Amino acid sequence: MVFGTGAPDAALMFVGEAPGLAEDRDGDPLAGAAGELLDELLAGIGLTRAAVAVVNVIRCRPPDNRTPLVVELNSCQEHLHAQLELVQPVVLCPLGDFATRALRGSTTRITRVRGTAEVRTVGARAVRLYPLLHPAAALYWPEGVELLRADVARIPDLLAQGPPPQPEDIVAPEVPAVAEPVAGDVQLGLF
């Protein structure tokens, strides 16, 4: 399972589709050339990977890198919503078609909504949803990197707007008391 990386209180969160071979091997989302492109784009707006959160909609690599199934999406959705509640990002950037459709709850393709911010409730949290081309896809499309670069350049303005109003009917979850670990316990975290 690839849980995610980055700052636990990041104002900016990127959400990819699912781990690929490199991500599965390394345990980090968005590795390889796509990750290098993301790092370069973040540097262009004065951020680093350590200052943002990077997660995937699906936590495990689908066999043969196929598109995740609805049952897999449903199985991992609760984990993503929990991460959103913990991190509380201001701007949530789905990367590519699958993540955009999953987070928007829509069948609209990424090419129709990329670079367009909207306030959406994802799970129990309202965010500034800002779909972007997936860096891996952009690398194979001549204009893709420049479109992605232009869209990423708008992120600081979105962050400056601050968080959108949260749904009024959300009841803050109770924080459980922290117990002392017992020898042999394995602790799993979201990051």
C-alpha atoms as a PDB file:
ATOM      1  CA  MET A   1       0.000   0.000   0.000  1.00  0.00           C
ATOM      2  CA  VAL A   2       1.167   3.486  -0.853  1.00  0.00           C
ATOM      3  CA  PHE A   3      -0.359   5.885   1.695  1.00  0.00           C
ATOM      4  CA  GLY A   4       1.042   9.256   0.709  1.00  0.00           C
ATOM      5  CA  THR A   5       3.874  11.660   1.381  1.00  0.00           C
ATOM      6  CA  GLY A   6       4.392  15.256   2.334  1.00  0.00           C
ATOM      7  CA  ALA A   7       3.405  17.720   4.997  1.00  0.00           C
ATOM      8  CA  PRO A   8       0.658  16.532   7.364  1.00  0.00           C
ATOM      9  CA  ASP A   9      -0.795  20.069   7.398  1.00  0.00           C
ATOM     10  CA  ALA A  10      -0.274  20.943   3.725  1.00  0.00           C
ATOM     11  CA  ALA A  11      -2.457  23.644   2.221  1.00  0.00           C
ATOM     12  CA  LEU A  12      -1.975  21.962  -1.169  1.00  0.00           C
ATOM     13  CA  MET A  13      -2.691  18.300  -1.897  1.00  0.00           C
ATOM     14  CA  PHE A  14      -2.211  16.427  -5.171  1.00  0.00           C
ATOM     15  CA  VAL A  15      -4.208  13.252  -5.821  1.00  0.00           C
ATOM     16  CA  GLY A  16      -3.100  10.766  -8.469  1.00  0.00           C
ATOM     17  CA  GLU A  17      -4.846   7.649  -9.724  1.00  0.00           C
ATOM     18  CA  ALA A  18      -3.007   4.666  -8.246  1.00  0.00           C
ATOM     19  CA  PRO A  19       0.558   3.543  -7.633  1.00  0.00           C
ATOM     20  CA  GLY A  20       2.542   2.443 -10.663  1.00  0.00           C
ATOM     21  CA  LEU A  21       5.531   0.110 -10.615  1.00  0.00           C
ATOM     22  CA  ALA A  22       8.009   2.693  -9.249  1.00  0.00           C
ATOM     23  CA  GLU A  23       5.548   3.962  -6.642  1.00  0.00           C
ATOM     24  CA  ASP A  24       4.743   0.429  -5.537  1.00  0.00           C
ATOM     25  CA  ARG A  25       8.446  -0.380  -5.236  1.00  0.00           C
ATOM     26  CA  ASP A  26       9.439   2.854  -3.443  1.00  0.00           C
ATOM     27  CA  GLY A  27       6.293   3.401  -1.364  1.00  0.00           C
ATOM     28  CA  ASP A  28       5.985   7.000  -2.587  1.00  0.00           C
ATOM     29  CA  PRO A  29       3.271   8.350  -4.880  1.00  0.00           C
ATOM     30  CA  LEU A  30       4.252  10.064  -8.130  1.00  0.00           C
ATOM     31  CA  ALA A  31       7.769   8.721  -8.656  1.00  0.00           C
ATOM     32  CA  GLY A  32       9.935   8.665 -11.756  1.00  0.00           C
ATOM     33  CA  ALA A  33       9.763  11.227 -14.563  1.00  0.00           C
ATOM     34  CA  ALA A  34       6.265  12.381 -13.552  1.00  0.00           C
ATOM     35  CA  GLY A  35       7.477  13.064 -10.019  1.00  0.00           C
ATOM     36  CA  GLU A  36      10.500  14.946 -11.328  1.00  0.00           C
ATOM     37  CA  LEU A  37       8.202  17.117 -13.446  1.00  0.00           C
ATOM     38  CA  LEU A  38       5.986  17.801 -10.421  1.00  0.00           C
ATOM     39  CA  ASP A  39       9.057  18.781  -8.389  1.00  0.00           C
ATOM     40  CA  GLU A  40      10.141  21.177 -11.153  1.00  0.00           C
ATOM     41  CA  LEU A  41       6.673  22.725 -11.405  1.00  0.00           C
ATOM     42  CA  LEU A  42       6.478  23.161  -7.627  1.00  0.00           C
ATOM     43  CA  ALA A  43       9.887  24.853  -7.590  1.00  0.00           C
ATOM     44  CA  GLY A  44       8.534  27.267 -10.205  1.00  0.00           C
ATOM     45  CA  ILE A  45       5.951  28.505  -7.674  1.00  0.00           C
ATOM     46  CA  GLY A  46       8.308  28.467  -4.700  1.00  0.00           C
ATOM     47  CA  LEU A  47       7.223  25.152  -3.164  1.00  0.00           C
ATOM     48  CA  THR A  48       8.847  21.787  -2.563  1.00  0.00           C
ATOM     49  CA  ARG A  49       7.391  18.297  -2.427  1.00  0.00           C
ATOM     50  CA  ALA A  50       7.930  18.297   1.349  1.00  0.00           C
ATOM     51  CA  ALA A  51       5.601  21.318   1.688  1.00  0.00           C
ATOM     52  CA  VAL A  52       2.644  19.678  -0.082  1.00  0.00           C
ATOM     53  CA  ALA A  53       0.805  16.367   0.287  1.00  0.00           C
ATOM     54  CA  VAL A  54       0.769  13.770  -2.490  1.00  0.00           C
ATOM     55  CA  VAL A  55      -1.614  10.810  -2.363  1.00  0.00           C
ATOM     56  CA  ASN A  56      -3.509   8.507  -4.720  1.00  0.00           C
ATOM     57  CA  VAL A  57      -7.196   7.707  -5.013  1.00  0.00           C
ATOM     58  CA  ILE A  58      -6.312   3.990  -4.965  1.00  0.00           C
ATOM     59  CA  ARG A  59      -3.743   2.771  -2.435  1.00  0.00           C
ATOM     60  CA  CYS A  60      -2.577  -0.422  -4.184  1.00  0.00           C
ATOM     61  CA  ARG A  61      -1.218  -0.966  -7.680  1.00  0.00           C
ATOM     62  CA  PRO A  62      -3.855  -2.524  -9.957  1.00  0.00           C
ATOM     63  CA  PRO A  63      -2.671  -5.655 -11.792  1.00  0.00           C
ATOM     64  CA  ASP A  64      -0.920  -4.844 -15.078  1.00  0.00           C
ATOM     65  CA  ASN A  65      -1.408  -1.107 -14.370  1.00  0.00           C
ATOM     66  CA  ARG A  66      -5.017  -1.337 -15.519  1.00  0.00           C
ATOM     67  CA  THR A  67      -7.531   1.374 -14.707  1.00  0.00           C
ATOM     68  CA  PRO A  68      -8.862   0.840 -11.178  1.00  0.00           C
ATOM     69  CA  LEU A  69     -12.256  -0.790 -10.811  1.00  0.00           C
ATOM     70  CA  VAL A  70     -15.232   0.815  -9.075  1.00  0.00           C
ATOM     71  CA  VAL A  71     -14.945  -1.707  -6.230  1.00  0.00           C
ATOM     72  CA  GLU A  72     -11.320  -0.603  -5.705  1.00  0.00           C
ATOM     73  CA  LEU A  73     -12.357   3.045  -5.727  1.00  0.00           C
ATOM     74  CA  ASN A  74     -15.065   2.323  -3.156  1.00  0.00           C
ATOM     75  CA  SER A  75     -12.615   0.380  -0.979  1.00  0.00           C
ATOM     76  CA  CYS A  76     -10.096   3.237  -0.854  1.00  0.00           C
ATOM     77  CA  GLN A  77     -12.436   6.218  -0.786  1.00  0.00           C
ATOM     78  CA  GLU A  78     -12.779   6.222   3.007  1.00  0.00           C
ATOM     79  CA  HIS A  79      -8.983   6.399   3.386  1.00  0.00           C
ATOM     80  CA  LEU A  80      -8.779   9.397   1.058  1.00  0.00           C
ATOM     81  CA  HIS A  81     -11.567  11.176   2.917  1.00  0.00           C
ATOM     82  CA  ALA A  82      -9.776  10.522   6.219  1.00  0.00           C
ATOM     83  CA  GLN A  83      -6.588  12.025   4.799  1.00  0.00           C
ATOM     84  CA  LEU A  84      -8.502  15.116   3.695  1.00  0.00           C
ATOM     85  CA  GLU A  85      -9.910  15.504   7.210  1.00  0.00           C
ATOM     86  CA  LEU A  86      -6.466  15.129   8.780  1.00  0.00           C
ATOM     87  CA  VAL A  87      -4.511  17.348   6.390  1.00  0.00           C
ATOM     88  CA  GLN A  88      -7.291  19.870   5.685  1.00  0.00           C
ATOM     89  CA  PRO A  89      -5.884  21.191   2.397  1.00  0.00           C
ATOM     90  CA  VAL A  90      -7.147  24.455   0.954  1.00  0.00           C
ATOM     91  CA  VAL A  91      -6.505  23.395  -2.642  1.00  0.00           C
ATOM     92  CA  LEU A  92      -6.988  19.816  -3.832  1.00  0.00           C
ATOM     93  CA  CYS A  93      -5.534  18.996  -7.256  1.00  0.00           C
ATOM     94  CA  PRO A  94      -6.690  15.760  -8.847  1.00  0.00           C
ATOM     95  CA  LEU A  95      -4.112  14.685 -11.415  1.00  0.00           C
ATOM     96  CA  GLY A  96      -5.517  13.262 -14.614  1.00  0.00           C
ATOM     97  CA  ASP A  97      -8.810  11.865 -15.768  1.00  0.00           C
ATOM     98  CA  PHE A  98      -9.445   9.100 -13.209  1.00  0.00           C
ATOM     99  CA  ALA A  99      -8.683  11.198 -10.117  1.00  0.00           C
ATOM    100  CA  THR A 100     -10.665  14.150 -11.487  1.00  0.00           C
ATOM    101  CA  ARG A 101     -13.720  12.020 -12.194  1.00  0.00           C
ATOM    102  CA  ALA A 102     -13.477  10.321  -8.799  1.00  0.00           C
ATOM    103  CA  LEU A 103     -13.141  13.553  -6.811  1.00  0.00           C
ATOM    104  CA  ARG A 104     -15.723  15.489  -8.809  1.00  0.00           C
ATOM    105  CA  GLY A 105     -18.194  12.600  -8.830  1.00  0.00           C
ATOM    106  CA  SER A 106     -18.618  13.272 -12.520  1.00  0.00           C
ATOM    107  CA  THR A 107     -17.889  11.683 -15.885  1.00  0.00           C
ATOM    108  CA  THR A 108     -16.521  14.939 -17.318  1.00  0.00           C
ATOM    109  CA  ARG A 109     -13.062  14.411 -18.821  1.00  0.00           C
ATOM    110  CA  ILE A 110      -9.978  16.198 -17.516  1.00  0.00           C
ATOM    111  CA  THR A 111      -9.463  18.013 -20.815  1.00  0.00           C
ATOM    112  CA  ARG A 112     -12.769  19.868 -20.264  1.00  0.00           C
ATOM    113  CA  VAL A 113     -12.129  20.955 -16.645  1.00  0.00           C
ATOM    114  CA  ARG A 114      -8.350  21.181 -16.243  1.00  0.00           C
ATOM    115  CA  GLY A 115      -7.170  24.477 -14.842  1.00  0.00           C
ATOM    116  CA  THR A 116     -10.661  25.432 -13.628  1.00  0.00           C
ATOM    117  CA  ALA A 117     -11.084  25.857  -9.879  1.00  0.00           C
ATOM    118  CA  GLU A 118     -14.357  25.151  -8.121  1.00  0.00           C
ATOM    119  CA  VAL A 119     -15.444  24.710  -4.539  1.00  0.00           C
ATOM    120  CA  ARG A 120     -16.471  21.091  -3.977  1.00  0.00           C
ATOM    121  CA  THR A 121     -17.199  18.982  -0.962  1.00  0.00           C
ATOM    122  CA  VAL A 122     -15.093  15.835  -1.017  1.00  0.00           C
ATOM    123  CA  GLY A 123     -16.006  13.505   1.800  1.00  0.00           C
ATOM    124  CA  ALA A 124     -16.951  15.872   4.613  1.00  0.00           C
ATOM    125  CA  ARG A 125     -14.526  18.648   3.619  1.00  0.00           C
ATOM    126  CA  ALA A 126     -15.034  21.607   1.281  1.00  0.00           C
ATOM    127  CA  VAL A 127     -11.950  22.323  -0.832  1.00  0.00           C
ATOM    128  CA  ARG A 128     -10.903  24.398  -3.800  1.00  0.00           C
ATOM    129  CA  LEU A 129     -10.810  21.572  -6.339  1.00  0.00           C
ATOM    130  CA  TYR A 130      -8.379  22.368  -9.146  1.00  0.00           C
ATOM    131  CA  PRO A 131      -8.004  19.539 -11.697  1.00  0.00           C
ATOM    132  CA  LEU A 132      -4.678  19.258 -13.501  1.00  0.00           C
ATOM    133  CA  LEU A 133      -3.294  17.103 -16.259  1.00  0.00           C
ATOM    134  CA  HIS A 134      -1.354  14.181 -14.838  1.00  0.00           C
ATOM    135  CA  PRO A 135       2.373  14.902 -15.178  1.00  0.00           C
ATOM    136  CA  ALA A 136       2.951  11.447 -16.722  1.00  0.00           C
ATOM    137  CA  ALA A 137       0.364  12.144 -19.440  1.00  0.00           C
ATOM    138  CA  ALA A 138       1.672  15.679 -20.003  1.00  0.00           C
ATOM    139  CA  LEU A 139       5.119  14.277 -20.772  1.00  0.00           C
ATOM    140  CA  TYR A 140       3.696  12.400 -23.785  1.00  0.00           C
ATOM    141  CA  TRP A 141       1.745  15.315 -25.220  1.00  0.00           C
ATOM    142  CA  PRO A 142       3.700  18.118 -26.924  1.00  0.00           C
ATOM    143  CA  GLU A 143       1.661  20.957 -25.391  1.00  0.00           C
ATOM    144  CA  GLY A 144       0.904  19.077 -22.181  1.00  0.00           C
ATOM    145  CA  VAL A 145       3.865  20.250 -20.122  1.00  0.00           C
ATOM    146  CA  GLU A 146       3.255  23.897 -21.004  1.00  0.00           C
ATOM    147  CA  LEU A 147      -0.473  23.613 -20.213  1.00  0.00           C
ATOM    148  CA  LEU A 148       0.396  21.986 -16.891  1.00  0.00           C
ATOM    149  CA  ARG A 149       3.022  24.642 -16.148  1.00  0.00           C
ATOM    150  CA  ALA A 150       0.488  27.432 -16.813  1.00  0.00           C
ATOM    151  CA  ASP A 151      -2.144  25.754 -14.618  1.00  0.00           C
ATOM    152  CA  VAL A 152       0.302  25.160 -11.747  1.00  0.00           C
ATOM    153  CA  ALA A 153       1.337  28.831 -11.930  1.00  0.00           C
ATOM    154  CA  ARG A 154      -2.222  29.741 -10.813  1.00  0.00           C
ATOM    155  CA  ILE A 155      -2.016  27.682  -7.601  1.00  0.00           C
ATOM    156  CA  PRO A 156      -0.515  30.454  -5.400  1.00  0.00           C
ATOM    157  CA  ASP A 157      -3.532  32.675  -6.142  1.00  0.00           C
ATOM    158  CA  LEU A 158      -5.899  29.853  -5.174  1.00  0.00           C
ATOM    159  CA  LEU A 159      -4.002  29.231  -1.944  1.00  0.00           C
ATOM    160  CA  ALA A 160      -4.155  32.957  -1.143  1.00  0.00           C
ATOM    161  CA  GLN A 161      -7.959  32.779  -1.232  1.00  0.00           C
ATOM    162  CA  GLY A 162      -7.859  30.585   1.861  1.00  0.00           C
ATOM    163  CA  PRO A 163     -10.131  27.667   2.625  1.00  0.00           C
ATOM    164  CA  PRO A 164     -13.698  27.781   1.387  1.00  0.00           C
ATOM    165  CA  PRO A 165     -16.555  27.782   3.917  1.00  0.00           C
ATOM    166  CA  GLN A 166     -17.047  24.324   5.357  1.00  0.00           C
ATOM    167  CA  PRO A 167     -20.400  22.507   5.312  1.00  0.00           C
ATOM    168  CA  GLU A 168     -22.425  23.608   8.338  1.00  0.00           C
ATOM    169  CA  ASP A 169     -23.650  20.163   9.263  1.00  0.00           C
ATOM    170  CA  ILE A 170     -20.223  18.666   9.896  1.00  0.00           C
ATOM    171  CA  VAL A 171     -19.711  17.511  13.451  1.00  0.00           C
ATOM    172  CA  ALA A 172     -16.043  17.429  14.404  1.00  0.00           C
ATOM    173  CA  PRO A 173     -14.985  13.850  15.157  1.00  0.00           C
ATOM    174  CA  GLU A 174     -13.892  13.095  18.692  1.00  0.00           C
ATOM    175  CA  VAL A 175     -10.163  12.647  18.998  1.00  0.00           C
ATOM    176  CA  PRO A 176      -9.460   9.310  20.680  1.00  0.00           C
ATOM    177  CA  ALA A 177      -7.171   9.236  23.685  1.00  0.00           C
ATOM    178  CA  VAL A 178      -3.641   8.190  22.825  1.00  0.00           C
ATOM    179  CA  ALA A 179      -2.736   4.900  24.451  1.00  0.00           C
ATOM    180  CA  GLU A 180       0.774   3.874  25.267  1.00  0.00           C
ATOM    181  CA  PRO A 181       2.021   1.403  22.626  1.00  0.00           C
ATOM    182  CA  VAL A 182       2.316  -2.178  23.744  1.00  0.00           C
ATOM    183  CA  ALA A 183       5.488  -4.037  22.810  1.00  0.00           C
ATOM    184  CA  GLY A 184       5.009  -5.685  19.435  1.00  0.00           C
ATOM    185  CA  ASP A 185       2.235  -3.309  18.282  1.00  0.00           C
ATOM    186  CA  VAL A 186       2.453  -2.136  14.706  1.00  0.00           C
ATOM    187  CA  GLN A 187       1.289   1.420  14.145  1.00  0.00           C
ATOM    188  CA  LEU A 188       0.015   2.408  10.733  1.00  0.00           C
ATOM    189  CA  GLY A 189      -0.446   6.025   9.756  1.00  0.00           C
ATOM    190  CA  LEU A 190      -1.773   7.912   6.794  1.00  0.00           C
ATOM    191  CA  PHE A 191       1.609   9.483   6.181  1.00  0.00           C
END
